[in-house]
């Protein structure tokens, strides 16, 4: 991601369980390191079994170098509440290309997400490249 320029991250939250998932909003971002991040679109508060909802976050690295923040939301899953993950990446100068394939475009990007537990799948799309974090429900 180019330092000083905002980028929208779109996460799809997919309920892979057998019952409806209740998400308590608002989703929060915290622990901001070298960036600003805000939730642009909150997810739906109820996700049917096998259903999905979308969460949109805007992030702007404040300077060249590593950045990170955590995303968290409460829910009705007894062993995955709250659900948290960390987003981290590298702010670059303009024209760095896109990490992870996908072709040209604005600034450089190196982005990762890691979560805890997992009854859901979280997919983030960044520029032209997609990055995925997958988690499956424990049996």
Protein backbone atom coordinates (compact mmCIF):
# COMPACT_ATOMS: atom_id res chain seq x y z
CA UNK A 1 0.00 0.00 0.00
CA UNK A 2 1.25 3.46 -0.75
CA UNK A 3 2.03 5.49 2.37
CA UNK A 4 -0.37 8.40 2.75
CA UNK A 5 -3.01 6.92 0.43
CA UNK A 6 -6.12 5.12 1.65
CA UNK A 7 -6.99 1.64 0.49
CA UNK A 8 -10.30 -0.14 0.98
CA UNK A 9 -10.23 -3.70 2.31
CA UNK A 10 -13.39 -5.74 1.78
CA UNK A 11 -13.86 -8.77 4.01
CA UNK A 12 -16.51 -11.41 3.40
CA UNK A 13 -17.54 -13.19 6.58
CA UNK A 14 -18.96 -16.61 5.75
CA UNK A 15 -20.81 -18.65 8.36
CA UNK A 16 -19.79 -22.28 7.90
CA UNK A 17 -21.75 -23.43 10.94
CA UNK A 18 -25.16 -25.08 11.23
CA UNK A 19 -26.96 -22.22 13.00
CA UNK A 20 -27.29 -18.48 12.46
CA UNK A 21 -24.31 -16.40 13.53
CA UNK A 22 -25.11 -13.22 15.43
CA UNK A 23 -22.53 -10.45 15.09
CA UNK A 24 -22.55 -7.68 17.66
CA UNK A 25 -21.70 -4.41 15.98
CA UNK A 26 -19.84 -2.20 15.86
CA UNK A 27 -16.79 -4.08 14.63
CA UNK A 28 -13.75 -2.38 16.14
CA UNK A 29 -10.22 -1.67 14.96
CA UNK A 30 -7.52 -1.11 17.57
CA UNK A 31 -3.79 -1.26 18.12
CA UNK A 32 -3.04 1.00 15.17
CA UNK A 33 0.67 1.01 14.29
CA UNK A 34 1.83 3.41 11.54
CA UNK A 35 -1.65 3.68 10.00
CA UNK A 36 -5.19 4.87 10.32
CA UNK A 37 -8.00 2.36 9.88
CA UNK A 38 -11.76 2.85 10.07
CA UNK A 39 -14.75 0.62 9.46
CA UNK A 40 -16.57 2.02 6.43
CA UNK A 41 -19.34 -0.62 6.28
CA UNK A 42 -20.37 -2.72 9.27
CA UNK A 43 -21.37 -6.36 8.59
CA UNK A 44 -24.92 -7.60 8.95
CA UNK A 45 -25.85 -8.56 12.49
CA UNK A 46 -27.24 -11.99 11.57
CA UNK A 47 -25.63 -14.45 9.15
CA UNK A 48 -27.65 -17.56 8.31
CA UNK A 49 -25.95 -20.95 8.18
CA UNK A 50 -23.97 -21.07 4.91
CA UNK A 51 -24.61 -17.31 4.50
CA UNK A 52 -22.26 -14.36 4.19
CA UNK A 53 -21.98 -10.70 5.10
CA UNK A 54 -19.47 -8.00 4.15
CA UNK A 55 -17.21 -5.78 6.24
CA UNK A 56 -15.34 -2.85 4.63
CA UNK A 57 -12.34 -1.17 6.26
CA UNK A 58 -10.37 1.81 4.97
CA UNK A 59 -6.67 1.80 5.89
CA UNK A 60 -3.99 4.41 5.25
CA UNK A 61 -0.33 3.72 6.08
CA UNK A 62 0.96 6.96 7.63
CA UNK A 63 4.59 6.45 6.55
CA UNK A 64 6.78 4.06 4.58
CA UNK A 65 7.35 0.89 6.61
CA UNK A 66 5.46 -1.78 8.49
CA UNK A 67 1.91 -1.12 9.70
CA UNK A 68 -0.66 -3.18 11.56
CA UNK A 69 -3.98 -3.14 13.41
CA UNK A 70 -6.42 -5.60 14.91
CA UNK A 71 -10.05 -6.17 13.98
CA UNK A 72 -12.51 -7.57 16.50
CA UNK A 73 -16.20 -8.32 16.85
CA UNK A 74 -18.34 -10.04 19.45
CA UNK A 75 -20.67 -12.86 18.38
CA UNK A 76 -22.82 -15.71 19.67
CA UNK A 77 -20.26 -18.49 19.16
CA UNK A 78 -19.29 -19.69 22.65
CA UNK A 79 -15.71 -20.68 21.77
CA UNK A 80 -14.93 -17.96 19.19
CA UNK A 81 -16.13 -14.86 21.01
CA UNK A 82 -14.81 -12.34 20.36
CA UNK A 83 -13.42 -13.09 16.91
CA UNK A 84 -10.12 -11.22 16.34
CA UNK A 85 -7.57 -10.97 13.59
CA UNK A 86 -4.53 -8.86 12.83
CA UNK A 87 -3.97 -7.05 9.56
CA UNK A 88 -0.38 -6.11 8.79
CA UNK A 89 1.45 -4.83 5.77
CA UNK A 90 4.08 -2.48 4.46
CA UNK A 91 3.57 1.10 3.39
CA UNK A 92 5.68 1.85 0.31
CA UNK A 93 6.39 4.75 -1.98
CA UNK A 94 4.27 5.33 -5.08
CA UNK A 95 4.85 2.87 -7.93
CA UNK A 96 5.91 -0.19 -5.93
CA UNK A 97 3.59 -2.59 -7.77
CA UNK A 98 1.23 -5.07 -6.15
CA UNK A 99 2.51 -7.94 -4.03
CA UNK A 100 1.03 -11.39 -4.45
CA UNK A 101 0.46 -11.13 -8.19
CA UNK A 102 -2.46 -9.50 -9.86
CA UNK A 103 -0.75 -6.93 -12.02
CA UNK A 104 0.14 -3.27 -12.03
CA UNK A 105 -1.47 -0.34 -10.40
CA UNK A 106 -0.69 2.38 -7.90
CA UNK A 107 1.44 1.68 -4.90
CA UNK A 108 3.11 -1.36 -3.50
CA UNK A 109 1.36 -3.67 -1.11
CA UNK A 110 2.31 -6.47 1.19
CA UNK A 111 -0.67 -7.43 3.32
CA UNK A 112 -1.39 -10.33 5.64
CA UNK A 113 -4.25 -11.19 7.97
CA UNK A 114 -4.19 -13.75 10.73
CA UNK A 115 -7.07 -14.76 12.95
CA UNK A 116 -7.94 -16.84 15.97
CA UNK A 117 -10.14 -19.91 15.91
CA UNK A 118 -12.62 -20.27 13.24
CA UNK A 119 -16.18 -20.75 12.27
CA UNK A 120 -15.84 -18.38 9.40
CA UNK A 121 -13.84 -17.60 6.32
CA UNK A 122 -12.47 -14.11 5.92
CA UNK A 123 -11.49 -12.92 2.45
CA UNK A 124 -9.87 -9.59 1.81
CA UNK A 125 -9.50 -8.03 -1.59
CA UNK A 126 -6.81 -5.44 -2.07
CA UNK A 127 -6.31 -3.58 -5.32
CA UNK A 128 -6.17 -6.29 -8.02
CA UNK A 129 -4.73 -9.00 -5.79
CA UNK A 130 -6.70 -11.13 -3.33
CA UNK A 131 -5.45 -12.32 0.05
CA UNK A 132 -7.29 -14.95 2.05
CA UNK A 133 -7.48 -16.08 5.63
CA UNK A 134 -9.42 -19.27 6.08
CA UNK A 135 -10.71 -20.81 9.27
CA UNK A 136 -13.03 -23.78 9.68
CA UNK A 137 -15.45 -24.57 12.45
CA UNK A 138 -14.09 -26.99 15.02
CA UNK A 139 -16.06 -30.20 15.39
